Amino acid sequence: MKFRRKSAETEPDAGPGDEVTPEPGPTTGPYDIDDLPDDDVARMDLGSMLIAPAEGSEIRLQVDEATEAVQAVLLAGAEGALELRAFAAPRNGDLWSEIRPRLAADFAQRGGTADEREGRFGTEVVGRLTVRNPDGSTGTQPSRIIGVNGPRWMLRATLLGRPAVEPESAQAWEDAIAQVVVRRGSQPMPSGGELPLTLPRDGTLIEHPNA
């Protein structure tokens, strides 16, 4: 499945003595559905989230066979994966600051560790768990958890594999997070309630959906 990317326009080279103005960076995301720019990025509509994959990755959905409800969304690639979940949040609230201590406590309860670091989207949680491999040996499973507060929603993105241990090589994965669109909806939901996901219609990719 191919996803189109917007090609950059070619700018003329500056001549001698000309002042060179830096090109503006990309518009910051993730986006609320009402603020989605016309960025020519193809996304899969999953109801509460619209997602475009990172370079060299594919979208995988975990679906309950009985209810056909989408339980999880994963962007999977050769060197790592990205799990995306969206939650209801108070208007103008900071749900991510409330959740970070709970994540740290959860890692500790499972015998792991968790630290905070500053990244592209603000404060992240870097967790490590000791896991048993299929051959009986033990290893460490790292993860980077990124939270982004939006208008009445919070996006939680969990990086696994190489992007979790080498943040400097995770730009394509972070770009995928920045391209996520959240559709909160108007239904009342408790703070922290997970926004429902739906199967895409015919697997169709759309470029600029209506709210």
N, C-alpha and C. Protein backbone atom coordinates (compact mmCIF):
# COMPACT_ATOMS: atom_id res chain seq x y z
N MET A 1 0.85 -1.19 0.00
CA MET A 1 0.00 0.00 0.00
C MET A 1 0.89 1.24 0.00
N LYS A 2 0.73 2.12 -0.96
CA LYS A 2 1.57 3.31 -1.06
C LYS A 2 0.84 4.53 -0.51
N PHE A 3 1.60 5.41 0.12
CA PHE A 3 1.07 6.63 0.69
C PHE A 3 1.79 7.81 0.05
N ARG A 4 1.04 8.71 -0.53
CA ARG A 4 1.65 9.84 -1.22
C ARG A 4 2.16 10.87 -0.23
N ARG A 5 3.27 11.46 -0.54
CA ARG A 5 3.83 12.54 0.26
C ARG A 5 3.90 13.79 -0.60
N LYS A 6 3.72 14.92 0.03
CA LYS A 6 3.76 16.17 -0.70
C LYS A 6 5.19 16.50 -1.06
N SER A 7 5.45 16.74 -2.34
CA SER A 7 6.81 17.05 -2.77
C SER A 7 7.13 18.50 -2.48
N ALA A 8 8.40 18.76 -2.13
CA ALA A 8 8.82 20.12 -1.82
C ALA A 8 9.03 20.90 -3.11
N GLU A 9 8.71 22.18 -3.08
CA GLU A 9 8.93 23.03 -4.24
C GLU A 9 10.39 23.43 -4.29
N THR A 10 10.93 23.53 -5.48
CA THR A 10 12.32 23.90 -5.65
C THR A 10 12.47 25.41 -5.56
N GLU A 11 13.39 25.87 -4.70
CA GLU A 11 13.63 27.30 -4.54
C GLU A 11 14.90 27.67 -5.29
N PRO A 12 14.95 28.85 -5.92
CA PRO A 12 16.16 29.28 -6.61
C PRO A 12 17.29 29.50 -5.62
N ASP A 13 18.53 29.22 -6.06
CA ASP A 13 19.69 29.43 -5.21
C ASP A 13 19.88 30.92 -4.98
N ALA A 14 20.34 31.25 -3.78
CA ALA A 14 20.61 32.66 -3.46
C ALA A 14 21.89 33.09 -4.15
N GLY A 15 21.88 34.30 -4.66
CA GLY A 15 23.05 34.83 -5.31
C GLY A 15 24.01 35.45 -4.32
N PRO A 16 25.20 35.87 -4.77
CA PRO A 16 26.18 36.49 -3.88
C PRO A 16 25.59 37.73 -3.21
N GLY A 17 25.77 37.82 -1.92
CA GLY A 17 25.28 38.99 -1.20
C GLY A 17 23.82 38.93 -0.82
N ASP A 18 23.09 37.94 -1.37
CA ASP A 18 21.67 37.83 -1.02
C ASP A 18 21.53 37.28 0.39
N GLU A 19 20.53 37.79 1.11
CA GLU A 19 20.25 37.28 2.45
C GLU A 19 19.45 35.99 2.33
N VAL A 20 19.93 34.95 2.98
CA VAL A 20 19.27 33.66 2.92
C VAL A 20 18.33 33.54 4.11
N THR A 21 17.05 33.35 3.81
CA THR A 21 16.04 33.18 4.86
C THR A 21 15.77 31.71 5.06
N PRO A 22 15.90 31.20 6.31
CA PRO A 22 15.65 29.77 6.54
C PRO A 22 14.23 29.40 6.16
N GLU A 23 14.07 28.21 5.58
CA GLU A 23 12.75 27.75 5.22
C GLU A 23 11.96 27.39 6.48
N PRO A 24 10.68 27.70 6.51
CA PRO A 24 9.89 27.36 7.68
C PRO A 24 9.78 25.85 7.84
N GLY A 25 9.73 25.40 9.09
CA GLY A 25 9.60 23.97 9.37
C GLY A 25 8.18 23.52 9.14
N PRO A 26 7.95 22.22 9.27
CA PRO A 26 6.61 21.67 9.05
C PRO A 26 5.63 22.12 10.12
N THR A 27 4.37 22.22 9.74
CA THR A 27 3.34 22.56 10.71
C THR A 27 3.30 21.52 11.81
N THR A 28 3.18 22.01 13.04
CA THR A 28 3.25 21.11 14.18
C THR A 28 1.97 20.30 14.33
N GLY A 29 2.09 19.01 14.53
CA GLY A 29 0.98 18.12 14.86
C GLY A 29 1.34 17.40 16.13
N PRO A 30 0.53 16.47 16.58
CA PRO A 30 -0.73 15.96 16.03
C PRO A 30 -1.81 17.04 15.97
N TYR A 31 -2.84 16.74 15.16
CA TYR A 31 -3.86 17.73 14.88
C TYR A 31 -5.22 17.33 15.45
N ASP A 32 -5.98 18.32 15.81
CA ASP A 32 -7.40 18.11 16.02
C ASP A 32 -8.07 18.12 14.65
N ILE A 33 -9.16 17.37 14.51
CA ILE A 33 -9.82 17.27 13.22
C ILE A 33 -10.24 18.63 12.67
N ASP A 34 -10.55 19.57 13.56
CA ASP A 34 -10.98 20.90 13.12
C ASP A 34 -9.82 21.77 12.66
N ASP A 35 -8.58 21.36 12.97
CA ASP A 35 -7.41 22.17 12.63
C ASP A 35 -6.51 21.50 11.61
N LEU A 36 -7.00 20.45 10.97
CA LEU A 36 -6.17 19.72 10.01
C LEU A 36 -5.85 20.59 8.80
N PRO A 37 -4.57 20.80 8.50
CA PRO A 37 -4.22 21.58 7.32
C PRO A 37 -4.36 20.75 6.05
N ASP A 38 -4.37 21.42 4.92
CA ASP A 38 -4.42 20.73 3.64
C ASP A 38 -2.99 20.32 3.28
N ASP A 39 -2.49 19.25 3.92
CA ASP A 39 -1.08 18.87 3.81
C ASP A 39 -0.82 17.77 2.78
N ASP A 40 -1.86 17.30 2.09
CA ASP A 40 -1.70 16.30 1.03
C ASP A 40 -1.12 14.99 1.56
N VAL A 41 -1.37 14.67 2.83
CA VAL A 41 -0.93 13.41 3.42
C VAL A 41 -2.11 12.44 3.45
N ALA A 42 -1.92 11.24 2.90
CA ALA A 42 -2.98 10.23 2.90
C ALA A 42 -3.03 9.56 4.26
N ARG A 43 -4.23 9.47 4.82
CA ARG A 43 -4.42 8.89 6.15
C ARG A 43 -5.54 7.86 6.12
N MET A 44 -5.45 6.89 7.02
CA MET A 44 -6.51 5.89 7.18
C MET A 44 -7.45 6.36 8.28
N ASP A 45 -8.75 6.39 7.97
CA ASP A 45 -9.76 6.87 8.92
C ASP A 45 -10.20 5.73 9.82
N LEU A 46 -9.85 5.82 11.10
CA LEU A 46 -10.20 4.80 12.08
C LEU A 46 -11.19 5.33 13.12
N GLY A 47 -11.96 6.33 12.73
CA GLY A 47 -12.96 6.88 13.64
C GLY A 47 -12.39 7.99 14.49
N SER A 48 -11.87 7.67 15.67
CA SER A 48 -11.34 8.70 16.56
C SER A 48 -9.92 9.12 16.18
N MET A 49 -9.28 8.37 15.28
CA MET A 49 -7.95 8.74 14.82
C MET A 49 -7.82 8.53 13.32
N LEU A 50 -7.07 9.40 12.68
CA LEU A 50 -6.69 9.24 11.28
C LEU A 50 -5.18 9.14 11.26
N ILE A 51 -4.66 8.09 10.62
CA ILE A 51 -3.25 7.75 10.78
C ILE A 51 -2.58 7.56 9.42
N ALA A 52 -1.37 8.10 9.30
CA ALA A 52 -0.49 7.83 8.15
C ALA A 52 0.73 7.10 8.69
N PRO A 53 1.22 6.07 8.01
CA PRO A 53 2.34 5.30 8.54
C PRO A 53 3.67 6.01 8.38
N ALA A 54 4.63 5.58 9.18
CA ALA A 54 6.00 6.04 9.00
C ALA A 54 6.58 5.36 7.77
N GLU A 55 7.65 5.92 7.26
CA GLU A 55 8.32 5.35 6.09
C GLU A 55 8.72 3.90 6.38
N GLY A 56 8.34 2.98 5.50
CA GLY A 56 8.71 1.59 5.67
C GLY A 56 7.91 0.84 6.71
N SER A 57 6.77 1.39 7.12
CA SER A 57 5.94 0.71 8.12
C SER A 57 4.56 0.42 7.53
N GLU A 58 3.78 -0.37 8.25
CA GLU A 58 2.41 -0.65 7.85
C GLU A 58 1.50 -0.55 9.06
N ILE A 59 0.23 -0.24 8.80
CA ILE A 59 -0.75 -0.14 9.87
C ILE A 59 -1.32 -1.52 10.15
N ARG A 60 -1.29 -1.92 11.41
CA ARG A 60 -1.87 -3.18 11.84
C ARG A 60 -2.94 -2.91 12.89
N LEU A 61 -4.07 -3.56 12.76
CA LEU A 61 -5.18 -3.37 13.68
C LEU A 61 -5.44 -4.66 14.45
N GLN A 62 -5.57 -4.53 15.76
CA GLN A 62 -5.98 -5.66 16.58
C GLN A 62 -7.49 -5.57 16.77
N VAL A 63 -8.21 -6.55 16.24
CA VAL A 63 -9.67 -6.49 16.20
C VAL A 63 -10.27 -7.64 17.00
N ASP A 64 -11.27 -7.33 17.82
CA ASP A 64 -12.01 -8.35 18.54
C ASP A 64 -12.92 -9.07 17.54
N GLU A 65 -12.74 -10.37 17.36
CA GLU A 65 -13.49 -11.10 16.34
C GLU A 65 -14.98 -11.14 16.64
N ALA A 66 -15.34 -11.14 17.92
CA ALA A 66 -16.75 -11.23 18.29
C ALA A 66 -17.49 -9.92 18.03
N THR A 67 -16.86 -8.80 18.37
CA THR A 67 -17.54 -7.51 18.26
C THR A 67 -17.08 -6.70 17.06
N GLU A 68 -15.96 -7.12 16.42
CA GLU A 68 -15.34 -6.39 15.32
C GLU A 68 -14.90 -5.00 15.75
N ALA A 69 -14.69 -4.82 17.04
CA ALA A 69 -14.19 -3.54 17.55
C ALA A 69 -12.67 -3.51 17.46
N VAL A 70 -12.13 -2.38 17.02
CA VAL A 70 -10.68 -2.22 16.95
C VAL A 70 -10.17 -1.94 18.36
N GLN A 71 -9.27 -2.80 18.84
CA GLN A 71 -8.76 -2.66 20.20
C GLN A 71 -7.44 -1.92 20.27
N ALA A 72 -6.65 -1.99 19.21
CA ALA A 72 -5.35 -1.34 19.22
C ALA A 72 -4.92 -1.03 17.80
N VAL A 73 -4.11 0.02 17.66
CA VAL A 73 -3.55 0.42 16.37
C VAL A 73 -2.04 0.41 16.50
N LEU A 74 -1.37 -0.26 15.57
CA LEU A 74 0.08 -0.37 15.62
C LEU A 74 0.67 -0.05 14.26
N LEU A 75 1.67 0.81 14.23
CA LEU A 75 2.48 1.00 13.04
C LEU A 75 3.71 0.13 13.22
N ALA A 76 3.89 -0.86 12.38
CA ALA A 76 4.97 -1.83 12.55
C ALA A 76 5.96 -1.73 11.40
N GLY A 77 7.24 -1.76 11.75
CA GLY A 77 8.30 -1.73 10.77
C GLY A 77 9.36 -2.76 11.11
N ALA A 78 10.44 -2.78 10.33
CA ALA A 78 11.47 -3.79 10.51
C ALA A 78 12.24 -3.60 11.82
N GLU A 79 12.36 -2.36 12.29
CA GLU A 79 13.20 -2.09 13.45
C GLU A 79 12.42 -1.63 14.67
N GLY A 80 11.11 -1.56 14.58
CA GLY A 80 10.36 -1.10 15.74
C GLY A 80 8.89 -0.98 15.44
N ALA A 81 8.18 -0.43 16.40
CA ALA A 81 6.74 -0.28 16.26
C ALA A 81 6.27 0.93 17.04
N LEU A 82 5.08 1.40 16.70
CA LEU A 82 4.47 2.55 17.35
C LEU A 82 3.01 2.23 17.63
N GLU A 83 2.64 2.22 18.91
CA GLU A 83 1.25 2.02 19.30
C GLU A 83 0.61 3.37 19.57
N LEU A 84 -0.60 3.58 19.06
CA LEU A 84 -1.30 4.85 19.19
C LEU A 84 -2.64 4.65 19.87
N ARG A 85 -2.93 5.48 20.87
CA ARG A 85 -4.21 5.44 21.57
C ARG A 85 -4.62 6.88 21.88
N ALA A 86 -5.91 7.16 21.80
CA ALA A 86 -6.42 8.50 22.09
C ALA A 86 -7.43 8.42 23.22
N PHE A 87 -7.44 9.44 24.08
CA PHE A 87 -8.28 9.45 25.26
C PHE A 87 -9.03 10.78 25.38
N ALA A 88 -10.20 10.73 26.00
CA ALA A 88 -10.93 11.95 26.32
C ALA A 88 -10.21 12.67 27.45
N ALA A 89 -10.27 13.99 27.42
CA ALA A 89 -9.59 14.79 28.44
C ALA A 89 -10.40 16.05 28.72
N PRO A 90 -10.18 16.68 29.88
CA PRO A 90 -10.90 17.92 30.18
C PRO A 90 -10.47 19.04 29.21
N ARG A 91 -11.37 19.95 28.96
CA ARG A 91 -11.03 21.10 28.11
C ARG A 91 -9.94 21.92 28.79
N ASN A 92 -8.89 22.24 28.06
CA ASN A 92 -7.76 23.02 28.57
C ASN A 92 -7.05 22.34 29.74
N GLY A 93 -7.21 21.00 29.84
CA GLY A 93 -6.56 20.27 30.92
C GLY A 93 -5.18 19.76 30.51
N ASP A 94 -4.51 19.09 31.45
CA ASP A 94 -3.20 18.52 31.21
C ASP A 94 -3.22 17.07 31.68
N LEU A 95 -3.93 16.23 30.94
CA LEU A 95 -4.08 14.84 31.31
C LEU A 95 -2.73 14.11 31.30
N TRP A 96 -1.84 14.49 30.40
CA TRP A 96 -0.55 13.82 30.30
C TRP A 96 0.25 13.96 31.60
N SER A 97 0.21 15.13 32.23
CA SER A 97 0.93 15.31 33.50
C SER A 97 0.33 14.44 34.60
N GLU A 98 -0.97 14.19 34.52
CA GLU A 98 -1.61 13.33 35.52
C GLU A 98 -1.27 11.85 35.31
N ILE A 99 -1.09 11.46 34.05
CA ILE A 99 -0.88 10.06 33.73
C ILE A 99 0.56 9.61 33.95
N ARG A 100 1.52 10.49 33.77
CA ARG A 100 2.93 10.09 33.86
C ARG A 100 3.27 9.40 35.18
N PRO A 101 2.86 9.94 36.35
CA PRO A 101 3.18 9.21 37.60
C PRO A 101 2.54 7.83 37.66
N ARG A 102 1.36 7.66 37.06
CA ARG A 102 0.71 6.36 37.06
C ARG A 102 1.50 5.37 36.20
N LEU A 103 2.04 5.85 35.09
CA LEU A 103 2.85 4.97 34.25
C LEU A 103 4.10 4.52 34.99
N ALA A 104 4.76 5.46 35.68
CA ALA A 104 5.95 5.11 36.44
C ALA A 104 5.62 4.08 37.52
N ALA A 105 4.48 4.25 38.19
CA ALA A 105 4.08 3.31 39.23
C ALA A 105 3.78 1.93 38.63
N ASP A 106 3.21 1.91 37.44
CA ASP A 106 2.90 0.64 36.78
C ASP A 106 4.18 -0.11 36.42
N PHE A 107 5.18 0.61 35.90
CA PHE A 107 6.46 -0.03 35.59
C PHE A 107 7.09 -0.60 36.86
N ALA A 108 7.06 0.19 37.95
CA ALA A 108 7.65 -0.27 39.21
C ALA A 108 6.94 -1.51 39.73
N GLN A 109 5.62 -1.53 39.61
CA GLN A 109 4.84 -2.67 40.10
C GLN A 109 5.20 -3.95 39.34
N ARG A 110 5.57 -3.80 38.07
CA ARG A 110 5.93 -4.96 37.26
C ARG A 110 7.43 -5.26 37.29
N GLY A 111 8.13 -4.60 38.23
CA GLY A 111 9.55 -4.88 38.40
C GLY A 111 10.45 -4.13 37.44
N GLY A 112 9.93 -3.10 36.80
CA GLY A 112 10.71 -2.33 35.85
C GLY A 112 11.09 -0.97 36.40
N THR A 113 11.61 -0.13 35.53
CA THR A 113 11.99 1.23 35.89
C THR A 113 11.41 2.20 34.88
N ALA A 114 11.28 3.45 35.28
CA ALA A 114 10.77 4.49 34.37
C ALA A 114 11.43 5.82 34.72
N ASP A 115 11.87 6.52 33.69
CA ASP A 115 12.47 7.84 33.85
C ASP A 115 11.79 8.80 32.89
N GLU A 116 11.98 10.08 33.13
CA GLU A 116 11.44 11.10 32.24
C GLU A 116 12.57 11.77 31.48
N ARG A 117 12.28 12.15 30.23
CA ARG A 117 13.22 12.89 29.40
C ARG A 117 12.44 13.88 28.58
N GLU A 118 13.12 14.90 28.10
CA GLU A 118 12.49 15.89 27.23
C GLU A 118 12.73 15.51 25.78
N GLY A 119 11.66 15.52 24.99
CA GLY A 119 11.76 15.16 23.59
C GLY A 119 11.05 16.16 22.72
N ARG A 120 10.81 15.78 21.50
CA ARG A 120 10.20 16.66 20.50
C ARG A 120 8.82 17.17 20.92
N PHE A 121 8.05 16.32 21.63
CA PHE A 121 6.69 16.68 22.01
C PHE A 121 6.56 17.06 23.48
N GLY A 122 7.71 17.25 24.15
CA GLY A 122 7.67 17.60 25.57
C GLY A 122 8.20 16.45 26.42
N THR A 123 7.68 16.33 27.62
CA THR A 123 8.17 15.32 28.56
C THR A 123 7.69 13.93 28.15
N GLU A 124 8.63 12.99 28.07
CA GLU A 124 8.34 11.61 27.73
C GLU A 124 8.64 10.70 28.93
N VAL A 125 8.08 9.51 28.90
CA VAL A 125 8.40 8.48 29.89
C VAL A 125 9.18 7.38 29.17
N VAL A 126 10.37 7.07 29.69
CA VAL A 126 11.19 6.00 29.13
C VAL A 126 11.14 4.84 30.13
N GLY A 127 10.54 3.74 29.72
CA GLY A 127 10.37 2.61 30.61
C GLY A 127 11.19 1.41 30.17
N ARG A 128 11.53 0.56 31.14
CA ARG A 128 12.28 -0.67 30.87
C ARG A 128 11.68 -1.79 31.70
N LEU A 129 11.40 -2.90 31.06
CA LEU A 129 10.87 -4.08 31.74
C LEU A 129 11.76 -5.28 31.44
N THR A 130 11.94 -6.14 32.44
CA THR A 130 12.65 -7.39 32.23
C THR A 130 11.66 -8.43 31.74
N VAL A 131 11.97 -9.03 30.60
CA VAL A 131 11.06 -10.01 30.00
C VAL A 131 11.80 -11.32 29.76
N ARG A 132 11.04 -12.41 29.66
CA ARG A 132 11.63 -13.72 29.38
C ARG A 132 11.46 -14.02 27.89
N ASN A 133 12.56 -14.35 27.24
CA ASN A 133 12.56 -14.67 25.82
C ASN A 133 12.07 -16.10 25.59
N PRO A 134 11.68 -16.42 24.35
CA PRO A 134 11.21 -17.78 24.05
C PRO A 134 12.21 -18.87 24.39
N ASP A 135 13.52 -18.55 24.35
CA ASP A 135 14.53 -19.57 24.65
C ASP A 135 14.81 -19.70 26.14
N GLY A 136 14.06 -18.97 26.97
CA GLY A 136 14.23 -19.06 28.41
C GLY A 136 15.14 -18.01 29.01
N SER A 137 15.89 -17.30 28.18
CA SER A 137 16.75 -16.24 28.69
C SER A 137 15.93 -14.99 29.00
N THR A 138 16.55 -14.07 29.71
CA THR A 138 15.86 -12.83 30.03
C THR A 138 16.48 -11.67 29.27
N GLY A 139 15.67 -10.66 29.02
CA GLY A 139 16.13 -9.48 28.33
C GLY A 139 15.39 -8.25 28.81
N THR A 140 15.75 -7.11 28.29
CA THR A 140 15.12 -5.85 28.67
C THR A 140 14.27 -5.34 27.52
N GLN A 141 13.03 -5.00 27.81
CA GLN A 141 12.12 -4.45 26.82
C GLN A 141 11.96 -2.95 27.08
N PRO A 142 12.56 -2.11 26.24
CA PRO A 142 12.44 -0.67 26.44
C PRO A 142 11.22 -0.10 25.72
N SER A 143 10.74 1.02 26.18
CA SER A 143 9.65 1.72 25.51
C SER A 143 9.77 3.22 25.79
N ARG A 144 9.36 4.01 24.82
CA ARG A 144 9.26 5.46 24.98
C ARG A 144 7.80 5.83 24.85
N ILE A 145 7.26 6.46 25.87
CA ILE A 145 5.84 6.83 25.85
C ILE A 145 5.73 8.34 25.76
N ILE A 146 5.05 8.79 24.71
CA ILE A 146 4.90 10.21 24.42
C ILE A 146 3.44 10.58 24.58
N GLY A 147 3.18 11.67 25.27
CA GLY A 147 1.81 12.15 25.44
C GLY A 147 1.66 13.55 24.88
N VAL A 148 0.56 13.78 24.19
CA VAL A 148 0.28 15.10 23.60
C VAL A 148 -1.13 15.51 24.01
N ASN A 149 -1.25 16.65 24.70
CA ASN A 149 -2.56 17.17 25.08
C ASN A 149 -3.17 17.95 23.92
N GLY A 150 -4.43 17.67 23.63
CA GLY A 150 -5.17 18.41 22.61
C GLY A 150 -6.43 18.99 23.21
N PRO A 151 -7.29 19.60 22.39
CA PRO A 151 -8.56 20.14 22.89
C PRO A 151 -9.53 19.01 23.23
N ARG A 152 -9.68 18.73 24.52
CA ARG A 152 -10.57 17.69 25.03
C ARG A 152 -10.11 16.28 24.66
N TRP A 153 -8.85 16.12 24.33
CA TRP A 153 -8.29 14.79 24.07
C TRP A 153 -6.82 14.75 24.41
N MET A 154 -6.30 13.55 24.58
CA MET A 154 -4.87 13.33 24.76
C MET A 154 -4.47 12.14 23.89
N LEU A 155 -3.39 12.29 23.15
CA LEU A 155 -2.85 11.22 22.33
C LEU A 155 -1.67 10.59 23.06
N ARG A 156 -1.68 9.26 23.16
CA ARG A 156 -0.56 8.55 23.77
C ARG A 156 0.09 7.68 22.72
N ALA A 157 1.38 7.88 22.51
CA ALA A 157 2.14 7.14 21.50
C ALA A 157 3.27 6.40 22.19
N THR A 158 3.34 5.09 21.98
CA THR A 158 4.36 4.26 22.61
C THR A 158 5.28 3.69 21.54
N LEU A 159 6.55 4.05 21.62
CA LEU A 159 7.56 3.56 20.68
C LEU A 159 8.25 2.33 21.26
N LEU A 160 8.40 1.31 20.44
CA LEU A 160 9.01 0.06 20.86
C LEU A 160 10.16 -0.29 19.92
N GLY A 161 11.13 -1.05 20.41
CA GLY A 161 12.25 -1.44 19.56
C GLY A 161 13.30 -0.35 19.46
N ARG A 162 13.94 -0.27 18.31
CA ARG A 162 15.03 0.68 18.13
C ARG A 162 14.62 2.14 18.38
N PRO A 163 13.44 2.59 17.93
CA PRO A 163 13.06 3.99 18.20
C PRO A 163 12.97 4.32 19.69
N ALA A 164 12.82 3.29 20.53
CA ALA A 164 12.72 3.52 21.97
C ALA A 164 14.09 3.73 22.61
N VAL A 165 15.13 3.13 22.03
CA VAL A 165 16.46 3.21 22.63
C VAL A 165 17.39 4.17 21.89
N GLU A 166 17.02 4.55 20.67
CA GLU A 166 17.83 5.48 19.89
C GLU A 166 16.95 6.62 19.38
N PRO A 167 16.61 7.57 20.27
CA PRO A 167 15.72 8.66 19.86
C PRO A 167 16.24 9.46 18.68
N GLU A 168 17.58 9.51 18.52
CA GLU A 168 18.16 10.29 17.43
C GLU A 168 17.87 9.67 16.07
N SER A 169 17.49 8.38 16.04
CA SER A 169 17.20 7.72 14.77
C SER A 169 15.71 7.50 14.58
N ALA A 170 14.88 8.17 15.38
CA ALA A 170 13.44 7.91 15.37
C ALA A 170 12.64 9.01 14.69
N GLN A 171 13.27 9.83 13.86
CA GLN A 171 12.56 10.98 13.28
C GLN A 171 11.35 10.56 12.45
N ALA A 172 11.49 9.49 11.65
CA ALA A 172 10.37 9.07 10.81
C ALA A 172 9.19 8.64 11.68
N TRP A 173 9.47 8.00 12.81
CA TRP A 173 8.40 7.57 13.72
C TRP A 173 7.76 8.79 14.39
N GLU A 174 8.59 9.75 14.79
CA GLU A 174 8.05 10.96 15.39
C GLU A 174 7.24 11.76 14.37
N ASP A 175 7.68 11.74 13.11
CA ASP A 175 6.90 12.41 12.06
C ASP A 175 5.52 11.77 11.92
N ALA A 176 5.47 10.43 12.08
CA ALA A 176 4.18 9.73 12.00
C ALA A 176 3.26 10.16 13.14
N ILE A 177 3.82 10.39 14.32
CA ILE A 177 3.03 10.89 15.45
C ILE A 177 2.49 12.29 15.12
N ALA A 178 3.35 13.12 14.54
CA ALA A 178 2.96 14.49 14.21
C ALA A 178 1.87 14.55 13.15
N GLN A 179 1.71 13.48 12.36
CA GLN A 179 0.70 13.48 11.30
C GLN A 179 -0.63 12.87 11.75
N VAL A 180 -0.70 12.40 13.00
CA VAL A 180 -1.94 11.83 13.50
C VAL A 180 -2.99 12.93 13.66
N VAL A 181 -4.23 12.58 13.32
CA VAL A 181 -5.37 13.49 13.50
C VAL A 181 -6.33 12.83 14.49
N VAL A 182 -6.78 13.59 15.49
CA VAL A 182 -7.70 13.06 16.49
C VAL A 182 -9.08 13.67 16.27
N ARG A 183 -10.09 12.79 16.23
CA ARG A 183 -11.48 13.22 16.11
C ARG A 183 -12.16 12.89 17.44
N ARG A 184 -12.26 13.88 18.30
CA ARG A 184 -12.79 13.67 19.65
C ARG A 184 -14.27 13.36 19.65
N GLY A 185 -15.04 14.03 18.80
CA GLY A 185 -16.48 13.86 18.82
C GLY A 185 -17.11 14.69 19.93
N SER A 186 -18.42 14.78 19.92
CA SER A 186 -19.13 15.62 20.89
C SER A 186 -19.74 14.82 22.03
N GLN A 187 -19.61 13.50 22.00
CA GLN A 187 -20.23 12.68 23.04
C GLN A 187 -19.56 12.90 24.38
N PRO A 188 -20.34 12.93 25.48
CA PRO A 188 -19.73 13.08 26.80
C PRO A 188 -18.97 11.82 27.18
N MET A 189 -17.76 11.99 27.72
CA MET A 189 -16.93 10.87 28.14
C MET A 189 -16.15 11.27 29.38
N PRO A 190 -15.90 10.33 30.29
CA PRO A 190 -15.09 10.66 31.47
C PRO A 190 -13.65 10.93 31.07
N SER A 191 -12.97 11.76 31.82
CA SER A 191 -11.56 12.04 31.55
C SER A 191 -10.76 10.75 31.65
N GLY A 192 -9.97 10.46 30.64
CA GLY A 192 -9.18 9.24 30.60
C GLY A 192 -9.85 8.10 29.87
N GLY A 193 -11.12 8.27 29.47
CA GLY A 193 -11.81 7.24 28.71
C GLY A 193 -11.22 7.13 27.31
N GLU A 194 -11.01 5.90 26.85
CA GLU A 194 -10.38 5.72 25.54
C GLU A 194 -11.38 6.00 24.43
N LEU A 195 -10.97 6.82 23.46
CA LEU A 195 -11.83 7.14 22.34
C LEU A 195 -11.99 5.92 21.44
N PRO A 196 -13.22 5.62 21.01
CA PRO A 196 -13.45 4.39 20.25
C PRO A 196 -12.87 4.45 18.84
N LEU A 197 -12.37 3.32 18.39
CA LEU A 197 -11.83 3.17 17.05
C LEU A 197 -12.77 2.32 16.22
N THR A 198 -12.73 2.51 14.91
CA THR A 198 -13.58 1.74 14.01
C THR A 198 -12.74 1.22 12.85
N LEU A 199 -13.22 0.16 12.22
CA LEU A 199 -12.55 -0.36 11.04
C LEU A 199 -12.69 0.64 9.89
N PRO A 200 -11.65 0.82 9.09
CA PRO A 200 -11.74 1.74 7.95
C PRO A 200 -12.70 1.21 6.90
N ARG A 201 -13.38 2.12 6.24
CA ARG A 201 -14.30 1.73 5.18
C ARG A 201 -13.51 1.30 3.95
N ASP A 202 -13.54 0.00 3.64
CA ASP A 202 -12.86 -0.55 2.47
C ASP A 202 -11.37 -0.26 2.47
N GLY A 203 -10.78 0.04 3.65
CA GLY A 203 -9.36 0.34 3.71
C GLY A 203 -9.00 1.62 2.98
N THR A 204 -9.98 2.50 2.77
CA THR A 204 -9.77 3.70 1.96
C THR A 204 -8.90 4.70 2.70
N LEU A 205 -7.96 5.31 1.94
CA LEU A 205 -7.14 6.39 2.46
C LEU A 205 -7.75 7.71 1.97
N ILE A 206 -7.84 8.66 2.88
CA ILE A 206 -8.38 9.96 2.51
C ILE A 206 -7.38 11.04 2.86
N GLU A 207 -7.44 12.15 2.14
CA GLU A 207 -6.43 13.19 2.32
C GLU A 207 -6.90 14.38 3.14
N HIS A 208 -8.16 14.72 3.10
CA HIS A 208 -8.64 15.84 3.91
C HIS A 208 -10.10 15.58 4.28
N PRO A 209 -10.34 14.83 5.38
CA PRO A 209 -11.68 14.43 5.72
C PRO A 209 -12.51 15.57 6.28
N ASN A 210 -13.81 15.43 6.15
CA ASN A 210 -14.70 16.36 6.83
C ASN A 210 -14.88 15.92 8.26
N ALA A 211 -15.07 16.87 9.17
CA ALA A 211 -15.28 16.54 10.57
C ALA A 211 -16.62 15.84 10.71
